Amino acid sequence: MLEEKRARYVEIIPDDILVETSDERFDRIAFAERALSLLKPPRVTVALCKGIARIRVEVGREWSRAPGSRWAILSIPPRASRRAIALAVAGLGSSDAPPYVLDMLLGDHDVDLAMAAE
């Protein structure tokens, strides 16, 4: 019975939201980090990594932490669009996130412009 309660739970955000691509040059991992720092998803430990073909989000229960804690792996491919990354990060947040969060994430290009100038 204990094994049933500890069964792994993995949730994958639907791919149709995350397939948008872009040829725009920007640091996608830095953009995702900035989005995470702005959104600060509660009780979620997030690992970012480079992906290959499409954004992939995997989420599961973090059993070693308090109830409701989760882990997430966000894989970001080299052609992911800002919008797709922002939607993936916003999907990790709570349902009570401010409604303007996507506008805030998509309108914040300061980090990327500074990196492009270097």
N, C-alpha and C. Protein backbone atom coordinates (compact mmCIF):
# COMPACT_ATOMS: atom_id res chain seq x y z
N MET A 1 0.82 -1.18 0.00
CA MET A 1 0.00 0.00 0.00
C MET A 1 0.87 1.25 0.00
N LEU A 2 1.98 1.23 0.75
CA LEU A 2 2.88 2.38 0.77
C LEU A 2 3.45 2.62 -0.62
N GLU A 3 3.73 1.55 -1.35
CA GLU A 3 4.27 1.70 -2.71
C GLU A 3 3.25 2.39 -3.62
N GLU A 4 1.96 2.14 -3.42
CA GLU A 4 0.95 2.80 -4.23
C GLU A 4 0.96 4.31 -4.00
N LYS A 5 1.14 4.71 -2.75
CA LYS A 5 1.16 6.13 -2.42
C LYS A 5 2.41 6.81 -2.95
N ARG A 6 3.49 6.06 -3.10
CA ARG A 6 4.75 6.64 -3.56
C ARG A 6 4.96 6.47 -5.06
N ALA A 7 3.96 6.02 -5.77
CA ALA A 7 4.12 5.85 -7.21
C ALA A 7 4.48 7.19 -7.83
N ARG A 8 5.33 7.14 -8.82
CA ARG A 8 5.78 8.38 -9.46
C ARG A 8 4.65 8.98 -10.28
N TYR A 9 4.58 10.29 -10.22
CA TYR A 9 3.60 11.02 -10.99
C TYR A 9 4.35 11.96 -11.91
N VAL A 10 4.14 11.83 -13.19
CA VAL A 10 4.80 12.70 -14.16
C VAL A 10 3.71 13.36 -15.01
N GLU A 11 3.78 14.66 -15.09
CA GLU A 11 2.83 15.42 -15.89
C GLU A 11 3.62 16.13 -16.98
N ILE A 12 3.16 16.03 -18.20
CA ILE A 12 3.84 16.70 -19.30
C ILE A 12 2.88 17.75 -19.87
N ILE A 13 3.32 18.99 -19.94
CA ILE A 13 2.50 20.06 -20.51
C ILE A 13 2.31 19.75 -21.98
N PRO A 14 1.09 19.90 -22.51
CA PRO A 14 0.81 19.53 -23.91
C PRO A 14 1.77 20.18 -24.90
N ASP A 15 2.20 19.39 -25.88
CA ASP A 15 3.18 19.85 -26.86
C ASP A 15 2.64 20.94 -27.79
N ASP A 16 1.33 20.96 -28.03
CA ASP A 16 0.81 21.94 -28.98
C ASP A 16 1.04 23.38 -28.51
N ILE A 17 1.25 23.58 -27.24
CA ILE A 17 1.54 24.91 -26.71
C ILE A 17 3.02 25.25 -26.92
N LEU A 18 3.86 24.27 -26.94
CA LEU A 18 5.30 24.49 -26.85
C LEU A 18 6.08 24.27 -28.15
N VAL A 19 5.43 24.15 -29.28
CA VAL A 19 6.14 23.84 -30.52
C VAL A 19 6.57 25.08 -31.30
N GLU A 20 6.17 26.26 -30.90
CA GLU A 20 6.50 27.47 -31.64
C GLU A 20 8.00 27.69 -31.68
N THR A 21 8.53 27.99 -32.87
CA THR A 21 9.96 28.21 -33.04
C THR A 21 10.23 29.63 -33.53
N SER A 22 11.50 30.02 -33.46
CA SER A 22 11.91 31.35 -33.90
C SER A 22 13.36 31.30 -34.33
N ASP A 23 13.69 32.11 -35.34
CA ASP A 23 15.09 32.23 -35.77
C ASP A 23 15.78 33.40 -35.07
N GLU A 24 15.06 34.08 -34.19
CA GLU A 24 15.62 35.21 -33.45
C GLU A 24 16.83 34.73 -32.64
N ARG A 25 17.88 35.54 -32.62
CA ARG A 25 19.09 35.18 -31.87
C ARG A 25 19.01 35.76 -30.47
N PHE A 26 18.96 34.90 -29.47
CA PHE A 26 18.99 35.30 -28.08
C PHE A 26 19.35 34.09 -27.22
N ASP A 27 19.79 34.35 -26.02
CA ASP A 27 20.17 33.27 -25.10
C ASP A 27 18.90 32.72 -24.46
N ARG A 28 18.46 31.58 -24.94
CA ARG A 28 17.19 31.01 -24.50
C ARG A 28 17.24 30.54 -23.04
N ILE A 29 18.36 29.99 -22.62
CA ILE A 29 18.48 29.56 -21.22
C ILE A 29 18.45 30.77 -20.29
N ALA A 30 19.14 31.85 -20.65
CA ALA A 30 19.11 33.08 -19.84
C ALA A 30 17.70 33.65 -19.79
N PHE A 31 16.99 33.58 -20.91
CA PHE A 31 15.61 34.07 -20.94
C PHE A 31 14.73 33.25 -19.99
N ALA A 32 14.91 31.92 -20.01
CA ALA A 32 14.14 31.06 -19.11
C ALA A 32 14.50 31.32 -17.65
N GLU A 33 15.79 31.53 -17.37
CA GLU A 33 16.21 31.85 -16.00
C GLU A 33 15.57 33.15 -15.53
N ARG A 34 15.57 34.16 -16.42
CA ARG A 34 14.95 35.45 -16.08
C ARG A 34 13.46 35.28 -15.83
N ALA A 35 12.80 34.49 -16.67
CA ALA A 35 11.37 34.24 -16.50
C ALA A 35 11.10 33.54 -15.16
N LEU A 36 11.94 32.57 -14.82
CA LEU A 36 11.78 31.88 -13.53
C LEU A 36 12.00 32.83 -12.36
N SER A 37 12.97 33.73 -12.48
CA SER A 37 13.23 34.67 -11.38
C SER A 37 12.09 35.67 -11.23
N LEU A 38 11.41 36.00 -12.32
CA LEU A 38 10.27 36.92 -12.23
C LEU A 38 9.03 36.21 -11.70
N LEU A 39 8.80 34.99 -12.16
CA LEU A 39 7.59 34.26 -11.79
C LEU A 39 7.70 33.59 -10.42
N LYS A 40 8.88 33.07 -10.11
CA LYS A 40 9.13 32.37 -8.84
C LYS A 40 8.05 31.33 -8.53
N PRO A 41 7.98 30.25 -9.31
CA PRO A 41 6.96 29.24 -9.05
C PRO A 41 7.11 28.68 -7.63
N PRO A 42 6.04 28.70 -6.85
CA PRO A 42 6.13 28.24 -5.46
C PRO A 42 6.30 26.72 -5.36
N ARG A 43 7.17 26.30 -4.45
CA ARG A 43 7.39 24.89 -4.13
C ARG A 43 7.74 24.04 -5.34
N VAL A 44 8.52 24.63 -6.30
CA VAL A 44 8.95 23.88 -7.49
C VAL A 44 10.46 24.04 -7.63
N THR A 45 11.17 22.93 -7.70
CA THR A 45 12.59 22.93 -8.00
C THR A 45 12.72 22.69 -9.49
N VAL A 46 13.33 23.64 -10.21
CA VAL A 46 13.38 23.57 -11.67
C VAL A 46 14.82 23.37 -12.15
N ALA A 47 14.99 22.41 -13.05
CA ALA A 47 16.27 22.20 -13.73
C ALA A 47 16.08 22.62 -15.18
N LEU A 48 16.97 23.48 -15.66
CA LEU A 48 16.95 23.91 -17.06
C LEU A 48 18.04 23.17 -17.82
N CYS A 49 17.73 22.76 -19.04
CA CYS A 49 18.75 22.13 -19.88
C CYS A 49 18.45 22.40 -21.34
N LYS A 50 19.46 22.22 -22.17
CA LYS A 50 19.27 22.41 -23.61
C LYS A 50 18.55 21.20 -24.17
N GLY A 51 17.57 21.47 -25.01
CA GLY A 51 16.82 20.42 -25.66
C GLY A 51 17.27 20.27 -27.11
N ILE A 52 16.57 19.43 -27.86
CA ILE A 52 16.96 19.18 -29.23
C ILE A 52 15.92 19.74 -30.22
N ALA A 53 14.69 19.26 -30.16
CA ALA A 53 13.72 19.60 -31.20
C ALA A 53 12.58 20.49 -30.71
N ARG A 54 12.14 20.31 -29.49
CA ARG A 54 11.00 21.09 -28.99
C ARG A 54 11.11 21.26 -27.49
N ILE A 55 10.41 22.23 -26.97
CA ILE A 55 10.41 22.43 -25.52
C ILE A 55 9.72 21.23 -24.89
N ARG A 56 10.29 20.77 -23.83
CA ARG A 56 9.70 19.65 -23.10
C ARG A 56 9.69 20.00 -21.62
N VAL A 57 8.55 19.81 -21.00
CA VAL A 57 8.40 20.08 -19.57
C VAL A 57 7.92 18.81 -18.89
N GLU A 58 8.67 18.37 -17.92
CA GLU A 58 8.25 17.22 -17.12
C GLU A 58 8.15 17.68 -15.68
N VAL A 59 7.09 17.29 -15.02
CA VAL A 59 6.85 17.71 -13.64
C VAL A 59 6.46 16.48 -12.82
N GLY A 60 6.95 16.43 -11.61
CA GLY A 60 6.59 15.33 -10.72
C GLY A 60 6.61 15.75 -9.27
N ARG A 61 6.11 14.90 -8.41
CA ARG A 61 6.05 15.16 -6.97
C ARG A 61 7.43 14.99 -6.37
N GLU A 62 7.84 15.93 -5.55
CA GLU A 62 9.13 15.83 -4.86
C GLU A 62 8.85 15.25 -3.47
N TRP A 63 9.03 13.94 -3.36
CA TRP A 63 8.64 13.21 -2.15
C TRP A 63 9.46 13.57 -0.93
N SER A 64 10.67 14.05 -1.09
CA SER A 64 11.52 14.34 0.07
C SER A 64 11.23 15.71 0.69
N ARG A 65 10.32 16.45 0.10
CA ARG A 65 9.99 17.79 0.59
C ARG A 65 8.57 17.81 1.15
N ALA A 66 8.12 19.00 1.51
CA ALA A 66 6.78 19.18 2.07
C ALA A 66 5.70 18.79 1.05
N PRO A 67 4.52 18.42 1.53
CA PRO A 67 3.43 18.10 0.61
C PRO A 67 3.18 19.26 -0.36
N GLY A 68 2.94 18.92 -1.61
CA GLY A 68 2.71 19.94 -2.63
C GLY A 68 3.97 20.37 -3.36
N SER A 69 5.14 19.94 -2.89
CA SER A 69 6.40 20.29 -3.55
C SER A 69 6.56 19.46 -4.81
N ARG A 70 7.13 20.09 -5.84
CA ARG A 70 7.29 19.41 -7.12
C ARG A 70 8.69 19.66 -7.67
N TRP A 71 9.10 18.83 -8.60
CA TRP A 71 10.31 19.06 -9.39
C TRP A 71 9.87 19.26 -10.83
N ALA A 72 10.70 19.94 -11.59
CA ALA A 72 10.40 20.14 -13.01
C ALA A 72 11.71 20.16 -13.79
N ILE A 73 11.66 19.59 -14.98
CA ILE A 73 12.78 19.66 -15.92
C ILE A 73 12.24 20.38 -17.15
N LEU A 74 12.91 21.46 -17.51
CA LEU A 74 12.51 22.26 -18.66
C LEU A 74 13.64 22.19 -19.69
N SER A 75 13.38 21.50 -20.80
CA SER A 75 14.36 21.37 -21.88
C SER A 75 14.03 22.39 -22.96
N ILE A 76 15.03 23.21 -23.32
CA ILE A 76 14.80 24.29 -24.27
C ILE A 76 15.68 24.10 -25.50
N PRO A 77 15.07 23.90 -26.68
CA PRO A 77 15.85 23.70 -27.90
C PRO A 77 16.40 25.02 -28.44
N PRO A 78 17.35 24.95 -29.35
CA PRO A 78 18.00 26.16 -29.86
C PRO A 78 17.10 27.08 -30.69
N ARG A 79 15.93 26.61 -31.14
CA ARG A 79 15.04 27.46 -31.94
C ARG A 79 13.74 27.78 -31.24
N ALA A 80 13.64 27.57 -29.95
CA ALA A 80 12.40 27.86 -29.22
C ALA A 80 12.11 29.36 -29.25
N SER A 81 10.85 29.71 -29.37
CA SER A 81 10.47 31.12 -29.38
C SER A 81 10.36 31.64 -27.95
N ARG A 82 10.43 32.95 -27.81
CA ARG A 82 10.24 33.56 -26.49
C ARG A 82 8.88 33.19 -25.92
N ARG A 83 7.86 33.24 -26.78
CA ARG A 83 6.50 32.95 -26.33
C ARG A 83 6.39 31.51 -25.80
N ALA A 84 6.98 30.55 -26.50
CA ALA A 84 6.92 29.15 -26.07
C ALA A 84 7.63 28.97 -24.73
N ILE A 85 8.79 29.62 -24.57
CA ILE A 85 9.53 29.53 -23.30
C ILE A 85 8.71 30.17 -22.19
N ALA A 86 8.14 31.35 -22.45
CA ALA A 86 7.35 32.05 -21.44
C ALA A 86 6.14 31.21 -21.02
N LEU A 87 5.48 30.58 -21.99
CA LEU A 87 4.32 29.73 -21.68
C LEU A 87 4.73 28.52 -20.85
N ALA A 88 5.87 27.93 -21.17
CA ALA A 88 6.36 26.77 -20.41
C ALA A 88 6.66 27.16 -18.97
N VAL A 89 7.33 28.29 -18.78
CA VAL A 89 7.66 28.76 -17.42
C VAL A 89 6.38 29.14 -16.68
N ALA A 90 5.48 29.84 -17.35
CA ALA A 90 4.22 30.24 -16.70
C ALA A 90 3.42 29.00 -16.29
N GLY A 91 3.53 27.93 -17.06
CA GLY A 91 2.82 26.69 -16.71
C GLY A 91 3.33 26.05 -15.44
N LEU A 92 4.53 26.41 -15.01
CA LEU A 92 5.07 25.87 -13.76
C LEU A 92 4.56 26.63 -12.55
N GLY A 93 4.04 27.83 -12.78
CA GLY A 93 3.59 28.68 -11.68
C GLY A 93 2.25 28.26 -11.13
N SER A 94 1.82 28.98 -10.13
CA SER A 94 0.54 28.68 -9.51
C SER A 94 -0.59 29.27 -10.33
N SER A 95 -1.79 28.80 -10.10
CA SER A 95 -2.95 29.29 -10.85
C SER A 95 -3.31 30.71 -10.46
N ASP A 96 -2.77 31.22 -9.34
CA ASP A 96 -3.08 32.58 -8.93
C ASP A 96 -2.00 33.57 -9.38
N ALA A 97 -1.24 33.21 -10.43
CA ALA A 97 -0.24 34.12 -10.98
C ALA A 97 -0.96 35.32 -11.59
N PRO A 98 -0.34 36.50 -11.53
CA PRO A 98 -0.97 37.68 -12.10
C PRO A 98 -1.28 37.49 -13.59
N PRO A 99 -2.40 38.01 -14.07
CA PRO A 99 -2.79 37.80 -15.47
C PRO A 99 -1.84 38.44 -16.47
N TYR A 100 -1.05 39.39 -16.04
CA TYR A 100 -0.14 40.09 -16.95
C TYR A 100 1.23 39.42 -17.02
N VAL A 101 1.38 38.26 -16.44
CA VAL A 101 2.70 37.63 -16.35
C VAL A 101 3.31 37.36 -17.73
N LEU A 102 2.51 36.91 -18.70
CA LEU A 102 3.06 36.66 -20.03
C LEU A 102 3.51 37.95 -20.71
N ASP A 103 2.72 39.01 -20.56
CA ASP A 103 3.13 40.31 -21.12
C ASP A 103 4.44 40.76 -20.50
N MET A 104 4.58 40.55 -19.21
CA MET A 104 5.78 40.96 -18.50
C MET A 104 6.99 40.16 -19.01
N LEU A 105 6.81 38.86 -19.19
CA LEU A 105 7.91 38.01 -19.65
C LEU A 105 8.29 38.31 -21.09
N LEU A 106 7.31 38.51 -21.94
CA LEU A 106 7.59 38.75 -23.35
C LEU A 106 8.08 40.17 -23.62
N GLY A 107 7.80 41.08 -22.72
CA GLY A 107 8.23 42.46 -22.90
C GLY A 107 9.59 42.75 -22.31
N ASP A 108 10.19 41.77 -21.65
CA ASP A 108 11.47 41.99 -20.97
C ASP A 108 12.62 41.49 -21.83
N HIS A 109 13.18 42.38 -22.67
CA HIS A 109 14.27 42.00 -23.56
C HIS A 109 15.61 42.56 -23.10
N ASP A 110 15.66 43.26 -21.97
CA ASP A 110 16.89 43.91 -21.52
C ASP A 110 18.04 42.92 -21.37
N VAL A 111 17.79 41.77 -20.77
CA VAL A 111 18.84 40.77 -20.56
C VAL A 111 19.40 40.31 -21.90
N ASP A 112 18.53 40.01 -22.85
CA ASP A 112 18.96 39.49 -24.14
C ASP A 112 19.68 40.53 -24.99
N LEU A 113 19.21 41.77 -24.96
CA LEU A 113 19.86 42.82 -25.73
C LEU A 113 21.27 43.09 -25.21
N ALA A 114 21.44 43.05 -23.91
CA ALA A 114 22.76 43.27 -23.32
C ALA A 114 23.71 42.15 -23.74
N MET A 115 23.23 40.91 -23.79
CA MET A 115 24.08 39.79 -24.17
C MET A 115 24.42 39.84 -25.65
N ALA A 116 23.51 40.31 -26.48
CA ALA A 116 23.76 40.39 -27.92
C ALA A 116 24.83 41.43 -28.23
N ALA A 117 24.91 42.47 -27.40
CA ALA A 117 25.87 43.55 -27.63
C ALA A 117 27.30 43.12 -27.28
N GLU A 118 27.45 42.09 -26.45
CA GLU A 118 28.78 41.64 -26.02
C GLU A 118 29.53 40.91 -27.09
